[in-house]
Amino acid sequence: MKKCEPPPINYGDGLGWCTPYMYICFNDECKLYVNGWANLKNNYNKTASYRCMCYPDNGVFDAMCVFSPDGMTGQIIEE
């Protein structure tokens, strides 16, 4: 997982991500990411997938939607 800044645009309630950074998995062989493309296309007719993310303050894992293989790569703040 890589340390990333939260996206500049908030989805949902608009209250923000409530964290200055988060960790995101960029493993393109991850089953969540690989299977997410077909799941979102078949169920919602959207070209997108998921990446696993983790909040650093509480260790909670969640899924973040990405719309391309490069999604969130511009938010990486350290290698």
PDB file of N, CA and C in Angstrom:
ATOM      1  N   MET A   1       0.851  -1.179   0.000  1.00  0.00           N
ATOM      2  CA  MET A   1       0.000   0.000   0.000  1.00  0.00           C
ATOM      3  C   MET A   1       0.890   1.233   0.000  1.00  0.00           C
ATOM      4  N   LYS A   2       0.384   2.264  -0.665  1.00  0.00           N
ATOM      5  CA  LYS A   2       1.140   3.506  -0.752  1.00  0.00           C
ATOM      6  C   LYS A   2       0.376   4.633  -0.071  1.00  0.00           C
ATOM      7  N   LYS A   3       1.132   5.533   0.528  1.00  0.00           N
ATOM      8  CA  LYS A   3       0.560   6.689   1.206  1.00  0.00           C
ATOM      9  C   LYS A   3       0.091   7.684   0.153  1.00  0.00           C
ATOM     10  N   CYS A   4      -1.160   8.127   0.263  1.00  0.00           N
ATOM     11  CA  CYS A   4      -1.754   9.029  -0.729  1.00  0.00           C
ATOM     12  C   CYS A   4      -2.537  10.142  -0.057  1.00  0.00           C
ATOM     13  N   GLU A   5      -2.593  11.275  -0.747  1.00  0.00           N
ATOM     14  CA  GLU A   5      -3.475  12.358  -0.316  1.00  0.00           C
ATOM     15  C   GLU A   5      -4.903  11.965  -0.659  1.00  0.00           C
ATOM     16  N   PRO A   6      -5.875  12.409   0.112  1.00  0.00           N
ATOM     17  CA  PRO A   6      -7.272  12.151  -0.261  1.00  0.00           C
ATOM     18  C   PRO A   6      -7.599  12.832  -1.588  1.00  0.00           C
ATOM     19  N   PRO A   7      -8.556  12.294  -2.336  1.00  0.00           N
ATOM     20  CA  PRO A   7      -8.962  12.938  -3.591  1.00  0.00           C
ATOM     21  C   PRO A   7      -9.466  14.354  -3.329  1.00  0.00           C
ATOM     22  N   PRO A   8      -9.240  15.269  -4.269  1.00  0.00           N
ATOM     23  CA  PRO A   8      -9.698  16.648  -4.081  1.00  0.00           C
ATOM     24  C   PRO A   8     -11.216  16.789  -4.179  1.00  0.00           C
ATOM     25  N   ILE A   9     -11.886  15.808  -4.790  1.00  0.00           N
ATOM     26  CA  ILE A   9     -13.343  15.846  -4.940  1.00  0.00           C
ATOM     27  C   ILE A   9     -13.948  14.790  -4.022  1.00  0.00           C
ATOM     28  N   ASN A  10     -14.927  15.187  -3.233  1.00  0.00           N
ATOM     29  CA  ASN A  10     -15.587  14.270  -2.310  1.00  0.00           C
ATOM     30  C   ASN A  10     -16.873  13.741  -2.916  1.00  0.00           C
ATOM     31  N   TYR A  11     -17.072  12.440  -2.782  1.00  0.00           N
ATOM     32  CA  TYR A  11     -18.326  11.823  -3.208  1.00  0.00           C
ATOM     33  C   TYR A  11     -19.182  11.586  -1.975  1.00  0.00           C
ATOM     34  N   GLY A  12     -20.454  11.454  -2.148  1.00  0.00           N
ATOM     35  CA  GLY A  12     -21.331  11.146  -1.026  1.00  0.00           C
ATOM     36  C   GLY A  12     -21.794  12.398  -0.325  1.00  0.00           C
ATOM     37  N   ASP A  13     -21.607  12.424   1.002  1.00  0.00           N
ATOM     38  CA  ASP A  13     -22.170  13.499   1.818  1.00  0.00           C
ATOM     39  C   ASP A  13     -21.410  14.817   1.719  1.00  0.00           C
ATOM     40  N   GLY A  14     -20.217  14.807   1.096  1.00  0.00           N
ATOM     41  CA  GLY A  14     -19.470  16.040   0.913  1.00  0.00           C
ATOM     42  C   GLY A  14     -18.724  16.515   2.143  1.00  0.00           C
ATOM     43  N   LEU A  15     -18.662  15.693   3.181  1.00  0.00           N
ATOM     44  CA  LEU A  15     -17.982  16.103   4.405  1.00  0.00           C
ATOM     45  C   LEU A  15     -16.477  15.871   4.354  1.00  0.00           C
ATOM     46  N   GLY A  16     -15.976  15.301   3.289  1.00  0.00           N
ATOM     47  CA  GLY A  16     -14.545  15.079   3.182  1.00  0.00           C
ATOM     48  C   GLY A  16     -14.138  13.705   3.659  1.00  0.00           C
ATOM     49  N   TRP A  17     -12.841  13.471   3.635  1.00  0.00           N
ATOM     50  CA  TRP A  17     -12.293  12.157   3.988  1.00  0.00           C
ATOM     51  C   TRP A  17     -11.876  12.086   5.448  1.00  0.00           C
ATOM     52  N   CYS A  18     -11.808  13.225   6.137  1.00  0.00           N
ATOM     53  CA  CYS A  18     -11.481  13.292   7.571  1.00  0.00           C
ATOM     54  C   CYS A  18     -10.098  12.722   7.888  1.00  0.00           C
ATOM     55  N   THR A  19      -9.184  12.814   6.951  1.00  0.00           N
ATOM     56  CA  THR A  19      -7.815  12.362   7.181  1.00  0.00           C
ATOM     57  C   THR A  19      -6.894  13.092   6.202  1.00  0.00           C
ATOM     58  N   PRO A  20      -5.684  13.436   6.639  1.00  0.00           N
ATOM     59  CA  PRO A  20      -4.763  14.120   5.735  1.00  0.00           C
ATOM     60  C   PRO A  20      -4.125  13.189   4.705  1.00  0.00           C
ATOM     61  N   TYR A  21      -4.169  11.883   4.961  1.00  0.00           N
ATOM     62  CA  TYR A  21      -3.657  10.894   4.012  1.00  0.00           C
ATOM     63  C   TYR A  21      -4.306   9.548   4.282  1.00  0.00           C
ATOM     64  N   MET A  22      -4.148   8.642   3.335  1.00  0.00           N
ATOM     65  CA  MET A  22      -4.668   7.278   3.459  1.00  0.00           C
ATOM     66  C   MET A  22      -3.721   6.357   2.712  1.00  0.00           C
ATOM     67  N   TYR A  23      -3.875   5.078   2.927  1.00  0.00           N
ATOM     68  CA  TYR A  23      -3.063   4.089   2.213  1.00  0.00           C
ATOM     69  C   TYR A  23      -3.933   3.398   1.176  1.00  0.00           C
ATOM     70  N   ILE A  24      -3.402   3.251  -0.046  1.00  0.00           N
ATOM     71  CA  ILE A  24      -4.154   2.633  -1.138  1.00  0.00           C
ATOM     72  C   ILE A  24      -3.300   1.556  -1.785  1.00  0.00           C
ATOM     73  N   CYS A  25      -3.935   0.432  -2.079  1.00  0.00           N
ATOM     74  CA  CYS A  25      -3.264  -0.688  -2.738  1.00  0.00           C
ATOM     75  C   CYS A  25      -3.261  -0.450  -4.249  1.00  0.00           C
ATOM     76  N   PHE A  26      -2.069  -0.503  -4.846  1.00  0.00           N
ATOM     77  CA  PHE A  26      -1.949  -0.330  -6.288  1.00  0.00           C
ATOM     78  C   PHE A  26      -1.528  -1.627  -6.977  1.00  0.00           C
ATOM     79  N   ASN A  27      -1.809  -2.766  -6.337  1.00  0.00           N
ATOM     80  CA  ASN A  27      -1.511  -4.074  -6.927  1.00  0.00           C
ATOM     81  C   ASN A  27      -2.585  -4.367  -7.983  1.00  0.00           C
ATOM     82  N   ASP A  28      -2.201  -4.332  -9.243  1.00  0.00           N
ATOM     83  CA  ASP A  28      -3.159  -4.555 -10.328  1.00  0.00           C
ATOM     84  C   ASP A  28      -3.570  -6.020 -10.459  1.00  0.00           C
ATOM     85  N   GLU A  29      -3.007  -6.913  -9.657  1.00  0.00           N
ATOM     86  CA  GLU A  29      -3.405  -8.321  -9.645  1.00  0.00           C
ATOM     87  C   GLU A  29      -4.313  -8.650  -8.465  1.00  0.00           C
ATOM     88  N   CYS A  30      -4.621  -7.652  -7.644  1.00  0.00           N
ATOM     89  CA  CYS A  30      -5.519  -7.831  -6.494  1.00  0.00           C
ATOM     90  C   CYS A  30      -6.904  -8.236  -6.999  1.00  0.00           C
ATOM     91  N   LYS A  31      -7.509  -9.243  -6.361  1.00  0.00           N
ATOM     92  CA  LYS A  31      -8.818  -9.729  -6.816  1.00  0.00           C
ATOM     93  C   LYS A  31      -9.903  -8.653  -6.741  1.00  0.00           C
ATOM     94  N   LEU A  32      -9.857  -7.796  -5.724  1.00  0.00           N
ATOM     95  CA  LEU A  32     -10.832  -6.712  -5.618  1.00  0.00           C
ATOM     96  C   LEU A  32     -10.754  -5.823  -6.855  1.00  0.00           C
ATOM     97  N   TYR A  33      -9.550  -5.460  -7.259  1.00  0.00           N
ATOM     98  CA  TYR A  33      -9.335  -4.606  -8.421  1.00  0.00           C
ATOM     99  C   TYR A  33      -9.695  -5.340  -9.716  1.00  0.00           C
ATOM    100  N   VAL A  34      -9.199  -6.541  -9.902  1.00  0.00           N
ATOM    101  CA  VAL A  34      -9.432  -7.310 -11.135  1.00  0.00           C
ATOM    102  C   VAL A  34     -10.918  -7.579 -11.336  1.00  0.00           C
ATOM    103  N   ASN A  35     -11.601  -8.065 -10.315  1.00  0.00           N
ATOM    104  CA  ASN A  35     -13.017  -8.417 -10.428  1.00  0.00           C
ATOM    105  C   ASN A  35     -13.940  -7.194 -10.426  1.00  0.00           C
ATOM    106  N   GLY A  36     -13.440  -6.080  -9.912  1.00  0.00           N
ATOM    107  CA  GLY A  36     -14.259  -4.876  -9.839  1.00  0.00           C
ATOM    108  C   GLY A  36     -14.680  -4.336 -11.194  1.00  0.00           C
ATOM    109  N   TRP A  37     -13.808  -4.483 -12.203  1.00  0.00           N
ATOM    110  CA  TRP A  37     -14.152  -3.986 -13.544  1.00  0.00           C
ATOM    111  C   TRP A  37     -15.413  -4.658 -14.069  1.00  0.00           C
ATOM    112  N   ALA A  38     -15.472  -5.984 -13.999  1.00  0.00           N
ATOM    113  CA  ALA A  38     -16.646  -6.724 -14.497  1.00  0.00           C
ATOM    114  C   ALA A  38     -17.863  -6.463 -13.616  1.00  0.00           C
ATOM    115  N   ASN A  39     -17.664  -6.404 -12.299  1.00  0.00           N
ATOM    116  CA  ASN A  39     -18.783  -6.188 -11.385  1.00  0.00           C
ATOM    117  C   ASN A  39     -19.480  -4.851 -11.664  1.00  0.00           C
ATOM    118  N   LEU A  40     -18.708  -3.791 -11.765  1.00  0.00           N
ATOM    119  CA  LEU A  40     -19.321  -2.485 -11.996  1.00  0.00           C
ATOM    120  C   LEU A  40     -19.911  -2.356 -13.402  1.00  0.00           C
ATOM    121  N   LYS A  41     -19.300  -3.012 -14.382  1.00  0.00           N
ATOM    122  CA  LYS A  41     -19.843  -2.983 -15.746  1.00  0.00           C
ATOM    123  C   LYS A  41     -21.150  -3.768 -15.809  1.00  0.00           C
ATOM    124  N   ASN A  42     -21.150  -4.978 -15.250  1.00  0.00           N
ATOM    125  CA  ASN A  42     -22.336  -5.844 -15.306  1.00  0.00           C
ATOM    126  C   ASN A  42     -23.504  -5.313 -14.481  1.00  0.00           C
ATOM    127  N   ASN A  43     -23.223  -4.740 -13.320  1.00  0.00           N
ATOM    128  CA  ASN A  43     -24.294  -4.316 -12.417  1.00  0.00           C
ATOM    129  C   ASN A  43     -24.719  -2.863 -12.572  1.00  0.00           C
ATOM    130  N   TYR A  44     -23.798  -2.012 -13.032  1.00  0.00           N
ATOM    131  CA  TYR A  44     -24.103  -0.581 -13.091  1.00  0.00           C
ATOM    132  C   TYR A  44     -23.785   0.049 -14.438  1.00  0.00           C
ATOM    133  N   ASN A  45     -23.279  -0.756 -15.387  1.00  0.00           N
ATOM    134  CA  ASN A  45     -22.882  -0.279 -16.707  1.00  0.00           C
ATOM    135  C   ASN A  45     -21.899   0.894 -16.618  1.00  0.00           C
ATOM    136  N   LYS A  46     -20.948   0.783 -15.683  1.00  0.00           N
ATOM    137  CA  LYS A  46     -19.912   1.804 -15.490  1.00  0.00           C
ATOM    138  C   LYS A  46     -18.545   1.193 -15.734  1.00  0.00           C
ATOM    139  N   THR A  47     -17.656   1.939 -16.348  1.00  0.00           N
ATOM    140  CA  THR A  47     -16.278   1.500 -16.528  1.00  0.00           C
ATOM    141  C   THR A  47     -15.479   2.023 -15.349  1.00  0.00           C
ATOM    142  N   ALA A  48     -15.314   1.174 -14.357  1.00  0.00           N
ATOM    143  CA  ALA A  48     -14.616   1.533 -13.129  1.00  0.00           C
ATOM    144  C   ALA A  48     -14.277   0.254 -12.378  1.00  0.00           C
ATOM    145  N   SER A  49     -13.480   0.394 -11.342  1.00  0.00           N
ATOM    146  CA  SER A  49     -13.154  -0.733 -10.470  1.00  0.00           C
ATOM    147  C   SER A  49     -12.942  -0.195  -9.058  1.00  0.00           C
ATOM    148  N   TYR A  50     -12.404  -1.038  -8.191  1.00  0.00           N
ATOM    149  CA  TYR A  50     -12.150  -0.677  -6.800  1.00  0.00           C
ATOM    150  C   TYR A  50     -10.672  -0.870  -6.475  1.00  0.00           C
ATOM    151  N   ARG A  51     -10.186  -0.068  -5.562  1.00  0.00           N
ATOM    152  CA  ARG A  51      -8.883  -0.281  -4.951  1.00  0.00           C
ATOM    153  C   ARG A  51      -9.104  -0.324  -3.446  1.00  0.00           C
ATOM    154  N   CYS A  52      -8.357  -1.185  -2.785  1.00  0.00           N
ATOM    155  CA  CYS A  52      -8.433  -1.294  -1.327  1.00  0.00           C
ATOM    156  C   CYS A  52      -7.757  -0.069  -0.721  1.00  0.00           C
ATOM    157  N   MET A  53      -8.378   0.484   0.307  1.00  0.00           N
ATOM    158  CA  MET A  53      -7.797   1.628   1.006  1.00  0.00           C
ATOM    159  C   MET A  53      -7.862   1.394   2.506  1.00  0.00           C
ATOM    160  N   CYS A  54      -6.986   2.060   3.229  1.00  0.00           N
ATOM    161  CA  CYS A  54      -6.945   1.930   4.686  1.00  0.00           C
ATOM    162  C   CYS A  54      -6.770   3.309   5.306  1.00  0.00           C
ATOM    163  N   TYR A  55      -7.595   3.603   6.313  1.00  0.00           N
ATOM    164  CA  TYR A  55      -7.464   4.855   7.057  1.00  0.00           C
ATOM    165  C   TYR A  55      -6.358   4.682   8.098  1.00  0.00           C
ATOM    166  N   PRO A  56      -5.368   5.579   8.155  1.00  0.00           N
ATOM    167  CA  PRO A  56      -4.227   5.391   9.040  1.00  0.00           C
ATOM    168  C   PRO A  56      -4.538   5.549  10.530  1.00  0.00           C
ATOM    169  N   ASP A  57      -5.543   6.342  10.865  1.00  0.00           N
ATOM    170  CA  ASP A  57      -5.809   6.605  12.282  1.00  0.00           C
ATOM    171  C   ASP A  57      -6.500   5.451  13.005  1.00  0.00           C
ATOM    172  N   ASN A  58      -7.274   4.643  12.273  1.00  0.00           N
ATOM    173  CA  ASN A  58      -7.999   3.560  12.940  1.00  0.00           C
ATOM    174  C   ASN A  58      -7.802   2.190  12.297  1.00  0.00           C
ATOM    175  N   GLY A  59      -7.070   2.126  11.176  1.00  0.00           N
ATOM    176  CA  GLY A  59      -6.796   0.844  10.524  1.00  0.00           C
ATOM    177  C   GLY A  59      -7.981   0.227   9.809  1.00  0.00           C
ATOM    178  N   VAL A  60      -9.043   0.991   9.612  1.00  0.00           N
ATOM    179  CA  VAL A  60     -10.234   0.485   8.930  1.00  0.00           C
ATOM    180  C   VAL A  60      -9.951   0.395   7.425  1.00  0.00           C
ATOM    181  N   PHE A  61     -10.288  -0.754   6.839  1.00  0.00           N
ATOM    182  CA  PHE A  61     -10.139  -0.966   5.408  1.00  0.00           C
ATOM    183  C   PHE A  61     -11.476  -0.709   4.715  1.00  0.00           C
ATOM    184  N   ASP A  62     -11.400  -0.204   3.491  1.00  0.00           N
ATOM    185  CA  ASP A  62     -12.600   0.094   2.708  1.00  0.00           C
ATOM    186  C   ASP A  62     -12.229  -0.043   1.236  1.00  0.00           C
ATOM    187  N   ALA A  63     -13.189   0.139   0.357  1.00  0.00           N
ATOM    188  CA  ALA A  63     -12.944   0.102  -1.080  1.00  0.00           C
ATOM    189  C   ALA A  63     -13.159   1.493  -1.645  1.00  0.00           C
ATOM    190  N   MET A  64     -12.261   1.895  -2.538  1.00  0.00           N
ATOM    191  CA  MET A  64     -12.362   3.186  -3.204  1.00  0.00           C
ATOM    192  C   MET A  64     -12.574   2.942  -4.697  1.00  0.00           C
ATOM    193  N   CYS A  65     -13.508   3.650  -5.291  1.00  0.00           N
ATOM    194  CA  CYS A  65     -13.773   3.515  -6.714  1.00  0.00           C
ATOM    195  C   CYS A  65     -12.719   4.270  -7.519  1.00  0.00           C
ATOM    196  N   VAL A  66     -12.223   3.627  -8.579  1.00  0.00           N
ATOM    197  CA  VAL A  66     -11.303   4.277  -9.520  1.00  0.00           C
ATOM    198  C   VAL A  66     -11.860   4.088 -10.925  1.00  0.00           C
ATOM    199  N   PHE A  67     -11.635   5.062 -11.775  1.00  0.00           N
ATOM    200  CA  PHE A  67     -12.220   5.048 -13.107  1.00  0.00           C
ATOM    201  C   PHE A  67     -11.237   4.710 -14.221  1.00  0.00           C
ATOM    202  N   SER A  68      -9.976   4.458 -13.839  1.00  0.00           N
ATOM    203  CA  SER A  68      -8.964   4.025 -14.798  1.00  0.00           C
ATOM    204  C   SER A  68      -7.843   3.348 -14.022  1.00  0.00           C
ATOM    205  N   PRO A  69      -6.976   2.620 -14.715  1.00  0.00           N
ATOM    206  CA  PRO A  69      -5.836   2.002 -14.027  1.00  0.00           C
ATOM    207  C   PRO A  69      -4.922   3.040 -13.362  1.00  0.00           C
ATOM    208  N   ASP A  70      -4.949   4.279 -13.841  1.00  0.00           N
ATOM    209  CA  ASP A  70      -4.125   5.338 -13.262  1.00  0.00           C
ATOM    210  C   ASP A  70      -4.818   6.082 -12.118  1.00  0.00           C
ATOM    211  N   GLY A  71      -6.061   5.719 -11.831  1.00  0.00           N
ATOM    212  CA  GLY A  71      -6.815   6.398 -10.790  1.00  0.00           C
ATOM    213  C   GLY A  71      -6.077   6.417  -9.463  1.00  0.00           C
ATOM    214  N   MET A  72      -5.944   7.570  -8.867  1.00  0.00           N
ATOM    215  CA  MET A  72      -5.294   7.841  -7.588  1.00  0.00           C
ATOM    216  C   MET A  72      -3.770   7.838  -7.648  1.00  0.00           C
ATOM    217  N   THR A  73      -3.169   7.501  -8.772  1.00  0.00           N
ATOM    218  CA  THR A  73      -1.700   7.493  -8.824  1.00  0.00           C
ATOM    219  C   THR A  73      -1.129   8.910  -8.695  1.00  0.00           C
ATOM    220  N   GLY A  74      -1.889   9.907  -9.085  1.00  0.00           N
ATOM    221  CA  GLY A  74      -1.449  11.296  -8.935  1.00  0.00           C
ATOM    222  C   GLY A  74      -1.508  11.805  -7.518  1.00  0.00           C
ATOM    223  N   GLN A  75      -2.100  11.028  -6.620  1.00  0.00           N
ATOM    224  CA  GLN A  75      -2.233  11.417  -5.221  1.00  0.00           C
ATOM    225  C   GLN A  75      -1.146  10.801  -4.328  1.00  0.00           C
ATOM    226  N   ILE A  76      -0.270   9.964  -4.901  1.00  0.00           N
ATOM    227  CA  ILE A  76       0.778   9.317  -4.106  1.00  0.00           C
ATOM    228  C   ILE A  76       1.723  10.390  -3.574  1.00  0.00           C
ATOM    229  N   ILE A  77       2.009  10.362  -2.257  1.00  0.00           N
ATOM    230  CA  ILE A  77       2.881  11.372  -1.670  1.00  0.00           C
ATOM    231  C   ILE A  77       4.228  10.799  -1.223  1.00  0.00           C
ATOM    232  N   GLU A  78       4.385   9.492  -1.308  1.00  0.00           N
ATOM    233  CA  GLU A  78       5.696   8.895  -1.080  1.00  0.00           C
ATOM    234  C   GLU A  78       5.734   7.513  -1.699  1.00  0.00           C
ATOM    235  N   GLU A  79       6.896   7.092  -2.099  1.00  0.00           N
ATOM    236  CA  GLU A  79       7.050   5.766  -2.699  1.00  0.00           C
ATOM    237  C   GLU A  79       7.373   4.741  -1.638  1.00  0.00           C
TER     238      GLU A  79
END
